[in-house]
Amino acid sequence: MTDRKIWFITGAGRGMGVDFAKAALAAGDAVVATGRNPDTVAKAVGEADDLLAVELDVTSTGDAEQAVRAAVDRFGRIDVLVNNAATSMPVTSRSWRRSRSSGSWRRTSPAR
């Protein structure tokens, strides 16, 4: 049996996502690298037999389902999830205070 892991990395088109993908591939693992443009992802990460670049907009449930299906179809499973992609929206001081007072920030904070 092999210790090879199957990585699923969101936001793999630039920055830390690319670094995670390259490190996993260099360690002999397989990588499903996702991003809004799979061609950009593949170009950033480089060519590898154990790389699958898949389109994924993290705001789309349909994209997420298709990306996971593609990963499982190709590699049979997912062992490691790196949720590196993010979406943002403008935050006003009023909306920040409202979210803080409602406690909703506690449910989404990575520190909790």
Protein backbone atom coordinates (compact mmCIF):
# COMPACT_ATOMS: atom_id res chain seq x y z
CA MET A 1 0.00 0.00 0.00
CA THR A 2 1.18 3.50 -0.77
CA ASP A 3 1.21 6.53 1.49
CA ARG A 4 0.30 8.77 -1.45
CA LYS A 5 -2.32 11.33 -0.54
CA ILE A 6 -4.88 12.96 -2.80
CA TRP A 7 -5.02 16.72 -2.23
CA PHE A 8 -7.97 18.93 -3.18
CA ILE A 9 -6.80 22.55 -3.20
CA THR A 10 -9.07 25.52 -3.81
CA GLY A 11 -7.63 28.78 -5.07
CA ALA A 12 -4.69 27.03 -6.72
CA GLY A 13 -4.20 29.56 -9.49
CA ARG A 14 -1.89 31.83 -7.54
CA GLY A 15 -0.22 32.52 -4.22
CA MET A 16 -0.28 29.93 -1.47
CA GLY A 17 -2.56 27.65 -3.49
CA VAL A 18 0.18 27.21 -6.08
CA ASP A 19 2.73 26.63 -3.32
CA PHE A 20 0.57 23.95 -1.67
CA ALA A 21 0.01 22.21 -5.01
CA LYS A 22 3.68 22.21 -5.99
CA ALA A 23 4.76 20.95 -2.56
CA ALA A 24 2.23 18.10 -2.62
CA LEU A 25 3.29 17.07 -6.13
CA ALA A 26 6.98 17.24 -5.15
CA ALA A 27 6.20 14.91 -2.23
CA GLY A 28 4.78 12.35 -4.67
CA ASP A 29 1.13 13.04 -3.91
CA ALA A 30 -1.69 13.66 -6.39
CA VAL A 31 -3.37 17.06 -6.59
CA VAL A 32 -6.74 18.33 -7.69
CA ALA A 33 -5.97 22.02 -8.13
CA THR A 34 -9.00 24.23 -8.51
CA GLY A 35 -9.68 27.78 -9.58
CA ARG A 36 -12.04 29.87 -11.64
CA ASN A 37 -9.90 29.25 -14.73
CA PRO A 38 -8.38 25.75 -14.92
CA ASP A 39 -5.96 26.82 -17.69
CA THR A 40 -4.53 29.49 -15.37
CA VAL A 41 -4.26 26.91 -12.59
CA ALA A 42 -2.46 24.39 -14.81
CA LYS A 43 -0.07 27.04 -16.08
CA ALA A 44 0.71 28.25 -12.54
CA VAL A 45 1.25 24.80 -11.06
CA GLY A 46 2.98 23.23 -14.07
CA GLU A 47 2.52 19.93 -15.83
CA ALA A 48 2.39 16.70 -13.86
CA ASP A 49 0.80 13.29 -14.39
CA ASP A 50 -0.76 13.45 -10.93
CA LEU A 51 -2.30 16.90 -11.43
CA LEU A 52 -5.94 17.53 -12.28
CA ALA A 53 -6.84 21.20 -12.82
CA VAL A 54 -10.57 21.77 -12.35
CA GLU A 55 -12.82 24.81 -12.61
CA LEU A 56 -14.26 25.88 -9.28
CA ASP A 57 -15.88 29.14 -8.24
CA VAL A 58 -16.27 28.65 -4.49
CA THR A 59 -19.50 30.65 -4.53
CA SER A 60 -21.13 28.02 -6.78
CA THR A 61 -22.52 24.83 -5.24
CA GLY A 62 -22.76 23.29 -8.70
CA ASP A 63 -19.07 23.97 -9.42
CA ALA A 64 -18.14 22.43 -6.06
CA GLU A 65 -20.14 19.28 -6.74
CA GLN A 66 -18.62 18.90 -10.21
CA ALA A 67 -15.09 19.48 -8.92
CA VAL A 68 -15.45 16.85 -6.19
CA ARG A 69 -16.97 14.41 -8.68
CA ALA A 70 -14.04 14.98 -11.07
CA ALA A 71 -11.56 14.40 -8.23
CA VAL A 72 -13.18 11.14 -7.14
CA ASP A 73 -13.58 9.96 -10.74
CA ARG A 74 -9.86 10.51 -11.40
CA PHE A 75 -8.26 9.52 -8.09
CA GLY A 76 -10.94 7.57 -6.21
CA ARG A 77 -10.96 9.71 -3.08
CA ILE A 78 -9.86 12.96 -1.43
CA ASP A 79 -7.52 12.73 1.56
CA VAL A 80 -6.54 16.35 2.16
CA LEU A 81 -8.62 19.49 1.67
CA VAL A 82 -6.88 22.86 1.50
CA ASN A 83 -9.62 25.49 1.47
CA ASN A 84 -7.43 28.32 0.23
CA ALA A 85 -9.91 30.18 -1.99
CA ALA A 86 -11.87 33.06 -0.62
CA THR A 87 -14.54 35.43 -1.63
CA SER A 88 -14.94 38.85 -0.17
CA MET A 89 -17.42 41.63 0.01
CA PRO A 90 -17.23 45.22 1.15
CA VAL A 91 -17.64 45.58 4.88
CA THR A 92 -18.88 48.79 6.42
CA SER A 93 -18.40 49.65 10.05
CA ARG A 94 -22.16 49.30 10.50
CA SER A 95 -22.30 45.78 8.99
CA TRP A 96 -19.23 44.77 11.01
CA ARG A 97 -20.83 45.91 14.26
CA ARG A 98 -24.06 44.13 13.34
CA SER A 99 -22.26 40.86 12.59
CA ARG A 100 -20.23 41.13 15.79
CA SER A 101 -23.30 41.79 17.93
CA SER A 102 -25.21 38.89 16.36
CA GLY A 103 -22.37 36.47 17.02
CA SER A 104 -22.28 35.33 13.39
CA TRP A 105 -18.56 36.03 13.15
CA ARG A 106 -17.96 33.28 15.69
CA ARG A 107 -19.42 30.66 13.37
CA THR A 108 -17.15 31.58 10.48
CA SER A 109 -13.94 32.55 12.22
CA PRO A 110 -11.11 30.10 11.44
CA ALA A 111 -9.75 30.66 14.94
CA ARG A 112 -12.76 28.92 16.51
